Amino acid sequence: MATYGSRTAATALDALGDPTRRSVVELLRDGERSVGDLASDLPVSRPAVSQHLKVLKGAGLVTERREGTRHLYAIDPSGLLSLRSYLESFWDEALASFKEAADRPSDPLGAARAEPGAERRAERREGRRSR
């Protein structure tokens, strides 16, 4: 699993596996918010929101700053960028595999050659359809 800092992509993905935490991240897309503000838009208590924020912060997805007695939370762009890079690595691998397959010379009988008897089975099927 790819790592970023002391955190792993697995930690971030695990954190986002919870629907309430995903909702918290979605609410934070619009900017910094307090626990009470977040709780007013979620079907969970303020202490529960605090616990979800603690997990998201531990996963590197959320930052916290204090303003007097209030704790304000925001999305951590570096955490999301790292997670995005990890997920894009799968896309890069898929594109490389696709390019490799597309660059291979075409072989119209490739499927028939790959499996013994496939050509005969195909001919038999065609014979049944033409009757």
C-alpha atoms as a PDB file:
ATOM      1  CA  MET A   1       0.000   0.000   0.000  1.00  0.00           C
ATOM      2  CA  ALA A   2       1.349   3.418  -0.892  1.00  0.00           C
ATOM      3  CA  THR A   3       2.237   5.654   2.014  1.00  0.00           C
ATOM      4  CA  TYR A   4       2.223   9.379   2.469  1.00  0.00           C
ATOM      5  CA  GLY A   5       4.017  10.674   5.532  1.00  0.00           C
ATOM      6  CA  SER A   6       3.411   8.341   8.429  1.00  0.00           C
ATOM      7  CA  ARG A   7      -0.091   7.634   7.190  1.00  0.00           C
ATOM      8  CA  THR A   8      -1.158   5.082   4.645  1.00  0.00           C
ATOM      9  CA  ALA A   9      -3.750   5.254   1.940  1.00  0.00           C
ATOM     10  CA  ALA A  10      -5.441   2.367   3.728  1.00  0.00           C
ATOM     11  CA  THR A  11      -6.016   4.564   6.788  1.00  0.00           C
ATOM     12  CA  ALA A  12      -7.634   7.274   4.669  1.00  0.00           C
ATOM     13  CA  LEU A  13      -9.779   4.775   2.785  1.00  0.00           C
ATOM     14  CA  ASP A  14     -10.842   3.136   6.052  1.00  0.00           C
ATOM     15  CA  ALA A  15     -11.787   6.543   7.457  1.00  0.00           C
ATOM     16  CA  LEU A  16     -13.894   7.307   4.398  1.00  0.00           C
ATOM     17  CA  GLY A  17     -15.549   3.890   4.604  1.00  0.00           C
ATOM     18  CA  ASP A  18     -17.951   5.237   7.217  1.00  0.00           C
ATOM     19  CA  PRO A  19     -20.989   7.044   5.737  1.00  0.00           C
ATOM     20  CA  THR A  20     -21.042   9.682   8.486  1.00  0.00           C
ATOM     21  CA  ARG A  21     -17.376  10.517   7.940  1.00  0.00           C
ATOM     22  CA  ARG A  22     -17.987  10.801   4.196  1.00  0.00           C
ATOM     23  CA  SER A  23     -20.828  13.207   4.998  1.00  0.00           C
ATOM     24  CA  VAL A  24     -18.508  15.246   7.221  1.00  0.00           C
ATOM     25  CA  VAL A  25     -15.944  15.507   4.413  1.00  0.00           C
ATOM     26  CA  GLU A  26     -18.669  16.529   1.973  1.00  0.00           C
ATOM     27  CA  LEU A  27     -19.871  19.244   4.380  1.00  0.00           C
ATOM     28  CA  LEU A  28     -16.305  20.515   4.735  1.00  0.00           C
ATOM     29  CA  ARG A  29     -15.983  20.938   0.968  1.00  0.00           C
ATOM     30  CA  ASP A  30     -17.629  24.328   1.352  1.00  0.00           C
ATOM     31  CA  GLY A  31     -15.063  25.489   3.899  1.00  0.00           C
ATOM     32  CA  GLU A  32     -14.107  25.492   7.531  1.00  0.00           C
ATOM     33  CA  ARG A  33     -16.790  24.540  10.093  1.00  0.00           C
ATOM     34  CA  SER A  34     -17.131  24.014  13.828  1.00  0.00           C
ATOM     35  CA  VAL A  35     -18.246  20.766  15.469  1.00  0.00           C
ATOM     36  CA  GLY A  36     -21.598  22.280  16.434  1.00  0.00           C
ATOM     37  CA  ASP A  37     -22.170  23.566  12.932  1.00  0.00           C
ATOM     38  CA  LEU A  38     -21.410  20.142  11.454  1.00  0.00           C
ATOM     39  CA  ALA A  39     -23.601  18.385  14.045  1.00  0.00           C
ATOM     40  CA  SER A  40     -26.565  20.551  13.083  1.00  0.00           C
ATOM     41  CA  ASP A  41     -26.422  19.063   9.560  1.00  0.00           C
ATOM     42  CA  LEU A  42     -25.862  15.440  10.623  1.00  0.00           C
ATOM     43  CA  PRO A  43     -28.074  12.843  12.318  1.00  0.00           C
ATOM     44  CA  VAL A  44     -25.510  12.289  15.115  1.00  0.00           C
ATOM     45  CA  SER A  45     -24.587  14.065  18.344  1.00  0.00           C
ATOM     46  CA  ARG A  46     -21.819  16.639  18.777  1.00  0.00           C
ATOM     47  CA  PRO A  47     -19.620  14.121  20.660  1.00  0.00           C
ATOM     48  CA  ALA A  48     -20.080  11.654  17.802  1.00  0.00           C
ATOM     49  CA  VAL A  49     -19.095  14.321  15.258  1.00  0.00           C
ATOM     50  CA  SER A  50     -15.984  15.049  17.357  1.00  0.00           C
ATOM     51  CA  GLN A  51     -15.030  11.370  17.266  1.00  0.00           C
ATOM     52  CA  HIS A  52     -15.527  11.196  13.505  1.00  0.00           C
ATOM     53  CA  LEU A  53     -13.384  14.327  13.073  1.00  0.00           C
ATOM     54  CA  LYS A  54     -10.675  12.752  15.240  1.00  0.00           C
ATOM     55  CA  VAL A  55     -10.560   9.739  12.895  1.00  0.00           C
ATOM     56  CA  LEU A  56     -10.499  11.953   9.791  1.00  0.00           C
ATOM     57  CA  LYS A  57      -7.744  14.088  11.300  1.00  0.00           C
ATOM     58  CA  GLY A  58      -5.736  10.966  12.168  1.00  0.00           C
ATOM     59  CA  ALA A  59      -6.100   9.817   8.578  1.00  0.00           C
ATOM     60  CA  GLY A  60      -4.695  13.131   7.329  1.00  0.00           C
ATOM     61  CA  LEU A  61      -7.927  14.200   5.646  1.00  0.00           C
ATOM     62  CA  VAL A  62      -8.937  17.041   7.975  1.00  0.00           C
ATOM     63  CA  THR A  63      -7.116  19.872   9.756  1.00  0.00           C
ATOM     64  CA  GLU A  64      -8.083  21.546  13.002  1.00  0.00           C
ATOM     65  CA  ARG A  65      -7.446  25.037  14.263  1.00  0.00           C
ATOM     66  CA  ARG A  66      -8.594  26.768  17.403  1.00  0.00           C
ATOM     67  CA  GLU A  67     -10.296  30.109  17.498  1.00  0.00           C
ATOM     68  CA  GLY A  68     -10.855  30.922  21.162  1.00  0.00           C
ATOM     69  CA  THR A  69     -12.819  28.000  22.581  1.00  0.00           C
ATOM     70  CA  ARG A  70     -14.018  26.814  19.180  1.00  0.00           C
ATOM     71  CA  HIS A  71     -12.383  24.082  17.162  1.00  0.00           C
ATOM     72  CA  LEU A  72     -12.664  24.705  13.447  1.00  0.00           C
ATOM     73  CA  TYR A  73     -12.160  21.914  10.954  1.00  0.00           C
ATOM     74  CA  ALA A  74     -11.335  21.986   7.260  1.00  0.00           C
ATOM     75  CA  ILE A  75     -10.315  19.554   4.566  1.00  0.00           C
ATOM     76  CA  ASP A  76      -6.571  18.945   4.458  1.00  0.00           C
ATOM     77  CA  PRO A  77      -5.690  19.428   0.766  1.00  0.00           C
ATOM     78  CA  SER A  78      -2.376  17.571   1.108  1.00  0.00           C
ATOM     79  CA  GLY A  79      -4.134  14.505   2.516  1.00  0.00           C
ATOM     80  CA  LEU A  80      -6.657  14.468  -0.297  1.00  0.00           C
ATOM     81  CA  LEU A  81      -3.932  15.001  -2.879  1.00  0.00           C
ATOM     82  CA  SER A  82      -1.982  12.047  -1.529  1.00  0.00           C
ATOM     83  CA  LEU A  83      -5.084   9.856  -1.552  1.00  0.00           C
ATOM     84  CA  ARG A  84      -5.872  10.998  -5.075  1.00  0.00           C
ATOM     85  CA  SER A  85      -2.336  10.128  -6.203  1.00  0.00           C
ATOM     86  CA  TYR A  86      -2.681   6.673  -4.705  1.00  0.00           C
ATOM     87  CA  LEU A  87      -6.003   6.056  -6.467  1.00  0.00           C
ATOM     88  CA  GLU A  88      -4.695   7.456  -9.753  1.00  0.00           C
ATOM     89  CA  SER A  89      -1.840   4.945  -9.650  1.00  0.00           C
ATOM     90  CA  PHE A  90      -4.439   2.254 -10.400  1.00  0.00           C
ATOM     91  CA  TRP A  91      -5.671   4.242 -13.386  1.00  0.00           C
ATOM     92  CA  ASP A  92      -2.089   4.687 -14.615  1.00  0.00           C
ATOM     93  CA  GLU A  93      -1.560   0.916 -14.441  1.00  0.00           C
ATOM     94  CA  ALA A  94      -4.828   0.254 -16.292  1.00  0.00           C
ATOM     95  CA  LEU A  95      -3.919   2.727 -19.042  1.00  0.00           C
ATOM     96  CA  ALA A  96      -0.465   1.189 -19.409  1.00  0.00           C
ATOM     97  CA  SER A  97      -2.017  -2.277 -19.763  1.00  0.00           C
ATOM     98  CA  PHE A  98      -4.521  -0.969 -22.306  1.00  0.00           C
ATOM     99  CA  LYS A  99      -1.738   0.682 -24.312  1.00  0.00           C
ATOM    100  CA  GLU A 100       0.266  -2.535 -24.275  1.00  0.00           C
ATOM    101  CA  ALA A 101      -2.737  -4.519 -25.511  1.00  0.00           C
ATOM    102  CA  ALA A 102      -3.549  -1.939 -28.191  1.00  0.00           C
ATOM    103  CA  ASP A 103       0.041  -1.919 -29.442  1.00  0.00           C
ATOM    104  CA  ARG A 104       0.130  -5.704 -29.930  1.00  0.00           C
ATOM    105  CA  PRO A 105      -0.342  -6.827 -33.540  1.00  0.00           C
ATOM    106  CA  SER A 106      -3.893  -8.046 -34.096  1.00  0.00           C
ATOM    107  CA  ASP A 107      -4.480 -11.761 -34.576  1.00  0.00           C
ATOM    108  CA  PRO A 108      -7.953 -12.559 -35.920  1.00  0.00           C
ATOM    109  CA  LEU A 109      -7.622 -16.238 -34.948  1.00  0.00           C
ATOM    110  CA  GLY A 110      -6.081 -15.503 -31.567  1.00  0.00           C
ATOM    111  CA  ALA A 111      -9.068 -16.727 -29.586  1.00  0.00           C
ATOM    112  CA  ALA A 112      -9.333 -19.930 -31.599  1.00  0.00           C
ATOM    113  CA  ARG A 113      -5.609 -20.620 -31.234  1.00  0.00           C
ATOM    114  CA  ALA A 114      -5.621 -19.844 -27.534  1.00  0.00           C
ATOM    115  CA  GLU A 115      -8.115 -22.580 -26.679  1.00  0.00           C
ATOM    116  CA  PRO A 116      -7.847 -26.010 -28.332  1.00  0.00           C
ATOM    117  CA  GLY A 117     -11.118 -27.000 -29.987  1.00  0.00           C
ATOM    118  CA  ALA A 118     -12.607 -23.508 -29.815  1.00  0.00           C
ATOM    119  CA  GLU A 119     -12.641 -23.169 -33.582  1.00  0.00           C
ATOM    120  CA  ARG A 120     -14.535 -26.461 -34.014  1.00  0.00           C
ATOM    121  CA  ARG A 121     -17.055 -25.528 -31.320  1.00  0.00           C
ATOM    122  CA  ALA A 122     -17.649 -22.185 -33.030  1.00  0.00           C
ATOM    123  CA  GLU A 123     -18.180 -23.948 -36.379  1.00  0.00           C
ATOM    124  CA  ARG A 124     -20.667 -26.362 -34.773  1.00  0.00           C
ATOM    125  CA  ARG A 125     -22.593 -23.475 -33.205  1.00  0.00           C
ATOM    126  CA  GLU A 126     -22.719 -21.703 -36.564  1.00  0.00           C
ATOM    127  CA  GLY A 127     -23.965 -24.925 -38.205  1.00  0.00           C
ATOM    128  CA  ARG A 128     -26.830 -25.175 -35.670  1.00  0.00           C
ATOM    129  CA  ARG A 129     -27.872 -21.573 -36.243  1.00  0.00           C
ATOM    130  CA  SER A 130     -28.023 -21.919 -40.039  1.00  0.00           C
ATOM    131  CA  ARG A 131     -30.477 -24.878 -39.893  1.00  0.00           C
END
